[in-house]
């Protein structure tokens, strides 16, 4: 009887301990499911945020790539403008403000292209880091979903479940890779790594957008400065051309006046030749007077004086004619120089207003760069 009582007590004690152990295990499984579910949700949420950030970073990458390509058009235009301006000739081939602005514009465009390429490389690197974090999150999420499915199945098992089996000695087999604290630390580390990459990505996008806005403004300012310099240079050339034309008209009038005076001087010299011939003929005729009649009378003296005066006046007119001819040659040279300079000015105006400014009538970039 005593033995029976002891057996009953032992059986009841064993039953209580076994049931308590099973209850505690089920409770622990429930707690584990909650823990896994919590981290699964954290990782899912972080993965969604990371994927959104990756998409934004890809848009930023595309914007940077487009910005680099968009620089090519104004760069090509500036270089072509320099090429056209090299066709200016002689005194017009000067290193003026327009040319300085074009060189400055090209310098700004090339520098900004290098800056954009640097950020494009940073963007590529950051995309690679974000995708590494994405893979880590996706792998960890997959593992947690598998673990959650297994733990949920184990949690639902009871003494009446189907498929229950013995696995002899399984309690001695420990295939665990880590402790609970290590598992939490690893999950937290993966999330924090993703958050760090997201923050870096966000900062990179902010910096890239600020850079592109700054570059857009610099390009626009350089474009306007060059256009203003070209417009100012064209105005200067046009004013110089008008002054040259006015000066040329004055020189042309002076040439006309000198030629008219030369013509009058030739006629005056010609007219004096007839008077001189008359005086010479009279003088020669009177040389045939006979004997004492061939005297140095008043008429003889008057003829001598007349011939001397006529020769003096003719010599003076020849000197004046020579001066007019020299002046005429100088005026012709001045006119040739002015005409040559005028041709250069007209050619330079055509290059700057038609060829160069014609390329720059419309800004080649329609929209602001933006991530």
Protein backbone atom coordinates (compact mmCIF):
# COMPACT_ATOMS: atom_id res chain seq x y z
CA UNK A 1 0.00 0.00 0.00
CA UNK A 2 2.82 2.36 0.88
CA UNK A 3 4.59 1.62 -2.34
CA UNK A 4 1.40 2.31 -4.27
CA UNK A 5 1.07 5.69 -2.59
CA UNK A 6 4.70 6.57 -3.36
CA UNK A 7 4.26 5.57 -7.03
CA UNK A 8 1.17 7.73 -7.33
CA UNK A 9 3.04 10.63 -5.81
CA UNK A 10 6.00 10.13 -8.12
CA UNK A 11 3.77 9.84 -11.15
CA UNK A 12 1.90 13.01 -10.24
CA UNK A 13 5.13 14.87 -9.60
CA UNK A 14 6.59 13.71 -12.88
CA UNK A 15 3.41 14.68 -14.73
CA UNK A 16 3.47 18.14 -13.21
CA UNK A 17 7.12 18.68 -14.04
CA UNK A 18 6.72 17.40 -17.61
CA UNK A 19 3.64 19.53 -18.21
CA UNK A 20 5.35 22.52 -16.61
CA UNK A 21 8.36 21.97 -18.84
CA UNK A 22 6.18 21.69 -21.94
CA UNK A 23 4.25 24.81 -20.90
CA UNK A 24 7.47 26.76 -20.33
CA UNK A 25 8.84 25.62 -23.68
CA UNK A 26 5.61 26.66 -25.42
CA UNK A 27 5.77 30.00 -23.66
CA UNK A 28 9.40 30.44 -24.67
CA UNK A 29 8.52 29.50 -28.23
CA UNK A 30 5.80 32.16 -28.16
CA UNK A 31 8.29 34.70 -26.85
CA UNK A 32 10.75 33.66 -29.55
CA UNK A 33 8.07 34.00 -32.21
CA UNK A 34 7.36 37.53 -30.94
CA UNK A 35 11.08 38.36 -31.02
CA UNK A 36 11.54 36.99 -34.54
CA UNK A 37 8.34 38.66 -35.68
CA UNK A 38 9.53 41.99 -34.23
CA UNK A 39 12.87 41.82 -36.02
CA UNK A 40 11.24 40.56 -39.19
CA UNK A 41 8.98 43.62 -39.16
CA UNK A 42 11.95 45.90 -38.40
CA UNK A 43 13.94 44.41 -41.26
CA UNK A 44 10.92 44.52 -43.60
CA UNK A 45 10.36 48.19 -42.78
CA UNK A 46 14.07 48.98 -43.17
CA UNK A 47 14.18 47.07 -46.46
CA UNK A 48 11.24 49.09 -47.80
CA UNK A 49 12.94 52.33 -46.78
CA UNK A 50 16.21 51.19 -48.31
CA UNK A 51 14.53 50.22 -51.57
CA UNK A 52 12.89 53.65 -51.73
CA UNK A 53 16.26 55.27 -51.09
CA UNK A 54 17.90 53.11 -53.77
CA UNK A 55 15.24 54.23 -56.23
CA UNK A 56 15.88 57.88 -55.37
CA UNK A 57 19.63 57.30 -55.65
CA UNK A 58 19.12 55.73 -59.07
CA UNK A 59 17.16 58.83 -60.09
CA UNK A 60 20.06 60.94 -58.80
CA UNK A 61 22.49 58.80 -60.79
CA UNK A 62 20.40 59.33 -63.93
CA UNK A 63 20.22 63.08 -63.26
CA UNK A 64 24.01 63.29 -62.84
CA UNK A 65 24.56 61.29 -66.00
CA UNK A 66 22.13 63.54 -67.89
CA UNK A 67 23.82 66.65 -66.45
CA UNK A 68 27.20 65.50 -67.79
CA UNK A 69 25.67 64.91 -71.23
CA UNK A 70 23.84 68.26 -71.11
CA UNK A 71 27.14 70.08 -70.59
CA UNK A 72 28.37 68.84 -73.97
CA UNK A 73 26.06 71.15 -75.99
CA UNK A 74 27.12 74.49 -74.44
CA UNK A 75 30.74 73.26 -74.41
CA UNK A 76 30.56 72.45 -78.12
CA UNK A 77 28.95 75.83 -78.83
CA UNK A 78 31.62 77.75 -76.89
CA UNK A 79 34.42 75.87 -78.68
CA UNK A 80 32.77 76.47 -82.07
CA UNK A 81 32.44 80.18 -81.23
CA UNK A 82 36.19 80.34 -80.57
CA UNK A 83 36.81 78.51 -83.84
CA UNK A 84 34.70 81.04 -85.81
CA UNK A 85 36.39 84.00 -84.10
CA UNK A 86 39.79 82.67 -85.19
CA UNK A 87 38.71 83.64 -88.73
CA UNK A 88 39.03 87.35 -87.86
CA UNK A 89 41.90 89.05 -89.69
CA UNK A 90 44.75 91.44 -88.95
CA UNK A 91 43.93 94.04 -86.32
CA UNK A 92 40.58 92.44 -85.50
CA UNK A 93 42.23 89.20 -84.32
CA UNK A 94 42.57 90.43 -80.75
CA UNK A 95 42.22 88.71 -77.36
CA UNK A 96 39.19 90.81 -76.39
CA UNK A 97 36.69 90.41 -73.54
CA UNK A 98 34.47 88.19 -75.67
CA UNK A 99 37.29 85.73 -76.19
CA UNK A 100 38.23 85.86 -72.50
CA UNK A 101 34.61 85.11 -71.56
CA UNK A 102 34.52 82.18 -74.00
CA UNK A 103 37.70 80.71 -72.51
CA UNK A 104 36.29 81.24 -69.02
CA UNK A 105 33.03 79.59 -70.04
CA UNK A 106 34.87 76.55 -71.43
CA UNK A 107 36.97 76.37 -68.25
CA UNK A 108 33.84 76.44 -66.06
CA UNK A 109 32.11 73.78 -68.16
CA UNK A 110 35.10 71.43 -68.07
CA UNK A 111 35.58 71.89 -64.30
CA UNK A 112 31.90 71.28 -63.65
CA UNK A 113 31.94 68.19 -65.83
CA UNK A 114 34.78 66.80 -63.68
CA UNK A 115 32.83 67.62 -60.49
CA UNK A 116 29.72 65.89 -61.84
CA UNK A 117 31.71 62.81 -62.84
CA UNK A 118 33.20 62.68 -59.32
CA UNK A 119 29.71 62.69 -57.83
CA UNK A 120 28.54 60.17 -60.40
CA UNK A 121 31.31 57.81 -59.24
CA UNK A 122 30.33 58.43 -55.61
CA UNK A 123 26.74 57.67 -56.53
CA UNK A 124 27.78 54.39 -58.18
CA UNK A 125 29.76 53.39 -55.09
CA UNK A 126 26.88 54.30 -52.79
CA UNK A 127 24.43 52.34 -54.94
CA UNK A 128 26.73 49.33 -54.66
CA UNK A 129 26.88 49.70 -50.84
CA UNK A 130 23.11 50.10 -50.62
CA UNK A 131 22.57 46.97 -52.70
CA UNK A 132 24.95 45.06 -50.44
CA UNK A 133 22.81 46.14 -47.47
CA UNK A 134 19.73 45.22 -49.46
CA UNK A 135 21.08 41.69 -50.01
CA UNK A 136 21.90 41.37 -46.32
CA UNK A 137 18.41 42.52 -45.33
CA UNK A 138 16.71 40.25 -47.86
CA UNK A 139 18.78 37.25 -46.76
CA UNK A 140 18.15 37.95 -43.08
CA UNK A 141 14.45 38.51 -43.78
CA UNK A 142 14.23 35.22 -45.64
CA UNK A 143 15.99 33.42 -42.80
CA UNK A 144 13.71 34.98 -40.20
CA UNK A 145 10.60 34.11 -42.18
CA UNK A 146 11.81 30.49 -42.41
CA UNK A 147 12.65 30.49 -38.70
CA UNK A 148 9.27 32.05 -37.90
CA UNK A 149 7.49 29.41 -39.95
CA UNK A 150 9.40 26.63 -38.15
CA UNK A 151 8.90 28.12 -34.67
CA UNK A 152 5.21 28.72 -35.37
CA UNK A 153 4.83 25.12 -36.45
CA UNK A 154 6.67 23.97 -33.31
CA UNK A 155 4.57 26.25 -31.13
CA UNK A 156 1.37 24.73 -32.51
CA UNK A 157 2.48 21.14 -31.80
CA UNK A 158 0.80 19.38 -28.89
CA UNK A 159 0.49 15.84 -27.53
CA UNK A 160 -2.23 15.07 -30.05
CA UNK A 161 -0.53 16.44 -33.17
CA UNK A 162 0.12 14.11 -36.12
CA UNK A 163 3.62 13.16 -37.20
CA UNK A 164 5.19 13.12 -33.76
CA UNK A 165 8.39 11.05 -33.70
CA UNK A 166 11.32 10.04 -31.51
CA UNK A 167 14.81 11.32 -32.44
CA UNK A 168 17.12 9.36 -30.23
CA UNK A 169 19.86 11.48 -28.63
CA UNK A 170 18.85 14.68 -30.47
CA UNK A 171 19.02 16.67 -27.22
CA UNK A 172 22.77 16.07 -27.18
CA UNK A 173 23.22 17.50 -30.69
CA UNK A 174 23.81 21.28 -30.64
CA UNK A 175 24.02 22.83 -34.13
CA UNK A 176 23.39 26.42 -32.98
CA UNK A 177 25.62 29.11 -34.50
CA UNK A 178 25.07 31.85 -31.96
CA UNK A 179 23.58 32.85 -28.65
CA UNK A 180 20.43 34.93 -28.21
CA UNK A 181 22.39 38.13 -27.58
CA UNK A 182 24.54 37.54 -30.64
CA UNK A 183 21.42 36.96 -32.75
CA UNK A 184 19.90 40.26 -31.57
CA UNK A 185 23.20 42.08 -32.08
CA UNK A 186 23.53 40.70 -35.64
CA UNK A 187 19.98 41.71 -36.60
CA UNK A 188 20.46 45.14 -35.08
CA UNK A 189 23.81 45.51 -36.86
CA UNK A 190 22.25 44.69 -40.24
CA UNK A 191 19.50 47.28 -39.68
CA UNK A 192 21.98 49.90 -38.47
CA UNK A 193 24.25 49.24 -41.48
CA UNK A 194 21.29 49.83 -43.77
CA UNK A 195 20.32 52.98 -41.89
CA UNK A 196 23.90 54.25 -42.20
CA UNK A 197 23.89 53.62 -45.96
CA UNK A 198 20.52 55.33 -46.25
CA UNK A 199 21.83 58.38 -44.42
CA UNK A 200 24.92 58.46 -46.63
CA UNK A 201 22.72 58.13 -49.69
CA UNK A 202 20.43 60.93 -48.52
CA UNK A 203 23.40 63.21 -47.83
CA UNK A 204 24.94 62.36 -51.18
CA UNK A 205 21.69 63.21 -52.97
CA UNK A 206 21.44 66.51 -51.09
CA UNK A 207 25.04 67.42 -51.97
CA UNK A 208 24.60 66.32 -55.59
CA UNK A 209 21.43 68.36 -55.99
CA UNK A 210 23.10 71.42 -54.42
CA UNK A 211 26.07 70.94 -56.76
CA UNK A 212 23.86 70.67 -59.83
CA UNK A 213 21.90 73.77 -58.88
CA UNK A 214 25.19 75.64 -58.36
CA UNK A 215 26.56 74.35 -61.66
CA UNK A 216 23.37 75.36 -63.46
CA UNK A 217 23.69 78.90 -62.10
CA UNK A 218 27.39 79.06 -62.97
CA UNK A 219 26.72 77.88 -66.51
CA UNK A 220 23.86 80.36 -66.92
CA UNK A 221 26.00 83.24 -65.58
CA UNK A 222 28.92 82.28 -67.83
CA UNK A 223 26.57 82.02 -70.82
CA UNK A 224 25.07 85.47 -70.09
CA UNK A 225 28.48 87.06 -69.44
CA UNK A 226 29.76 85.79 -72.79
CA UNK A 227 26.62 86.94 -74.60
CA UNK A 228 26.87 90.37 -72.98
CA UNK A 229 30.56 90.62 -73.92
CA UNK A 230 29.73 89.64 -77.51
CA UNK A 231 26.88 92.18 -77.64
CA UNK A 232 29.17 94.91 -76.25
CA UNK A 233 31.91 93.99 -78.72
CA UNK A 234 29.42 94.03 -81.59
CA UNK A 235 28.25 97.51 -80.51
CA UNK A 236 31.86 98.72 -80.39
CA UNK A 237 32.54 97.27 -83.83
CA UNK A 238 29.35 98.80 -85.23
CA UNK A 239 30.23 102.20 -83.78
CA UNK A 240 33.78 101.93 -85.16
CA UNK A 241 32.36 100.88 -88.54
CA UNK A 242 30.04 103.91 -88.63
CA UNK A 243 32.91 106.24 -87.72
CA UNK A 244 35.07 104.66 -90.41
CA UNK A 245 32.33 105.14 -92.97
CA UNK A 246 31.94 108.80 -91.97
CA UNK A 247 35.72 109.29 -92.09
CA UNK A 248 35.82 107.51 -95.44
CA UNK A 249 33.14 109.84 -96.80
CA UNK A 250 35.16 112.84 -95.62
CA UNK A 251 38.35 111.43 -97.21
CA UNK A 252 36.42 110.73 -100.42
CA UNK A 253 35.20 114.33 -100.46
CA UNK A 254 38.75 115.58 -99.87
CA UNK A 255 40.02 113.39 -102.73
CA UNK A 256 37.30 114.81 -104.95
CA UNK A 257 38.25 118.38 -103.96
CA UNK A 258 41.98 117.75 -104.50
CA UNK A 259 41.35 116.14 -107.88
CA UNK A 260 39.19 119.12 -108.85
CA UNK A 261 41.95 121.51 -107.74
CA UNK A 262 44.51 119.47 -109.67
CA UNK A 263 42.35 119.68 -112.74
CA UNK A 264 41.97 123.45 -112.31
CA UNK A 265 45.74 123.77 -111.75
CA UNK A 266 46.50 121.82 -114.94
CA UNK A 267 44.10 124.10 -116.81
CA UNK A 268 45.65 127.21 -115.23
CA UNK A 269 49.15 126.07 -116.20
CA UNK A 270 47.89 125.35 -119.69
CA UNK A 271 46.32 128.79 -119.93
CA UNK A 272 49.58 130.44 -118.87
CA UNK A 273 51.43 128.64 -121.67
CA UNK A 274 49.50 130.59 -124.30
CA UNK A 275 50.33 133.90 -122.63
CA UNK A 276 53.99 132.81 -122.41
CA UNK A 277 53.97 131.88 -126.09
CA UNK A 278 52.62 135.34 -126.95
CA UNK A 279 55.36 137.01 -124.90
CA UNK A 280 58.06 134.76 -126.41
CA UNK A 281 56.77 135.42 -129.92
CA UNK A 282 56.74 139.18 -129.29
CA UNK A 283 60.23 139.08 -127.80
CA UNK A 284 61.58 137.02 -130.70
CA UNK A 285 59.86 139.25 -133.25
CA UNK A 286 61.34 142.42 -131.79
CA UNK A 287 64.80 140.85 -132.00
CA UNK A 288 64.60 141.45 -135.78
CA UNK A 289 64.38 145.23 -135.49
CA UNK A 290 67.12 146.87 -137.65
CA UNK A 291 70.24 148.74 -136.40
CA UNK A 292 69.64 151.29 -133.72
CA UNK A 293 65.99 150.31 -133.48
CA UNK A 294 67.09 147.15 -131.65
CA UNK A 295 67.24 148.96 -128.35
CA UNK A 296 66.32 147.98 -124.78
CA UNK A 297 63.23 150.08 -124.71
CA UNK A 298 60.33 150.04 -122.31
CA UNK A 299 58.59 147.36 -124.37
CA UNK A 300 61.69 145.15 -124.27
CA UNK A 301 62.01 145.56 -120.50
CA UNK A 302 58.27 144.94 -120.06
CA UNK A 303 58.45 141.72 -122.12
CA UNK A 304 61.40 140.52 -120.05
CA UNK A 305 59.53 141.23 -116.85
CA UNK A 306 56.35 139.61 -118.24
CA UNK A 307 58.19 136.45 -119.28
CA UNK A 308 59.94 136.30 -115.88
CA UNK A 309 56.66 136.75 -114.01
CA UNK A 310 54.91 134.14 -116.14
CA UNK A 311 57.73 131.63 -115.56
CA UNK A 312 57.64 132.40 -111.85
CA UNK A 313 53.88 131.86 -111.68
CA UNK A 314 54.11 128.65 -113.73
CA UNK A 315 56.86 127.33 -111.41
CA UNK A 316 54.74 128.25 -108.37
CA UNK A 317 51.75 126.48 -109.88
CA UNK A 318 53.86 123.39 -110.65
CA UNK A 319 54.99 123.33 -107.02
CA UNK A 320 51.39 123.67 -105.90
CA UNK A 321 50.40 120.93 -108.34
CA UNK A 322 53.15 118.70 -106.92
CA UNK A 323 51.86 119.34 -103.42
CA UNK A 324 48.33 118.51 -104.59
CA UNK A 325 49.58 115.31 -106.18
CA UNK A 326 51.39 114.31 -102.97
CA UNK A 327 48.29 115.14 -100.96
CA UNK A 328 46.23 113.12 -103.44
CA UNK A 329 48.51 110.09 -102.99
CA UNK A 330 48.30 110.36 -99.21
CA UNK A 331 44.52 110.61 -99.38
CA UNK A 332 44.39 107.58 -101.67
CA UNK A 333 46.53 105.58 -99.21
CA UNK A 334 44.37 106.74 -96.30
CA UNK A 335 41.23 105.74 -98.23
CA UNK A 336 42.74 102.31 -98.99
CA UNK A 337 43.61 101.83 -95.30
CA UNK A 338 40.14 102.92 -94.22
CA UNK A 339 38.48 100.67 -96.78
CA UNK A 340 40.65 97.75 -95.63
CA UNK A 341 39.87 98.47 -91.98
CA UNK A 342 36.19 98.81 -92.84
CA UNK A 343 36.23 95.41 -94.56
CA UNK A 344 37.87 93.91 -91.45
CA UNK A 345 35.24 95.53 -89.20
CA UNK A 346 32.37 94.31 -91.39
CA UNK A 347 33.88 90.80 -91.44
CA UNK A 348 34.35 90.83 -87.62
CA UNK A 349 30.77 92.07 -87.14
CA UNK A 350 29.49 89.29 -89.39
CA UNK A 351 31.45 86.69 -87.41
CA UNK A 352 30.34 87.95 -83.99
CA UNK A 353 26.71 88.79 -84.83
CA UNK A 354 25.82 86.10 -87.33
CA UNK A 355 28.10 83.11 -86.80
CA UNK A 356 28.92 83.39 -83.07
CA UNK A 357 25.81 85.08 -81.64
CA UNK A 358 23.70 83.01 -84.00
CA UNK A 359 24.87 79.88 -82.19
CA UNK A 360 24.01 81.46 -78.84
CA UNK A 361 20.49 82.78 -79.44
CA UNK A 362 18.90 80.00 -77.36
CA UNK A 363 20.28 78.49 -74.16
CA UNK A 364 21.02 74.81 -75.00
CA UNK A 365 19.76 73.45 -71.65
CA UNK A 366 16.00 73.69 -71.12
CA UNK A 367 15.60 72.59 -67.49
CA UNK A 368 17.51 72.81 -64.24
CA UNK A 369 19.41 69.74 -63.10
CA UNK A 370 17.64 68.12 -60.20
CA UNK A 371 17.86 64.78 -58.44
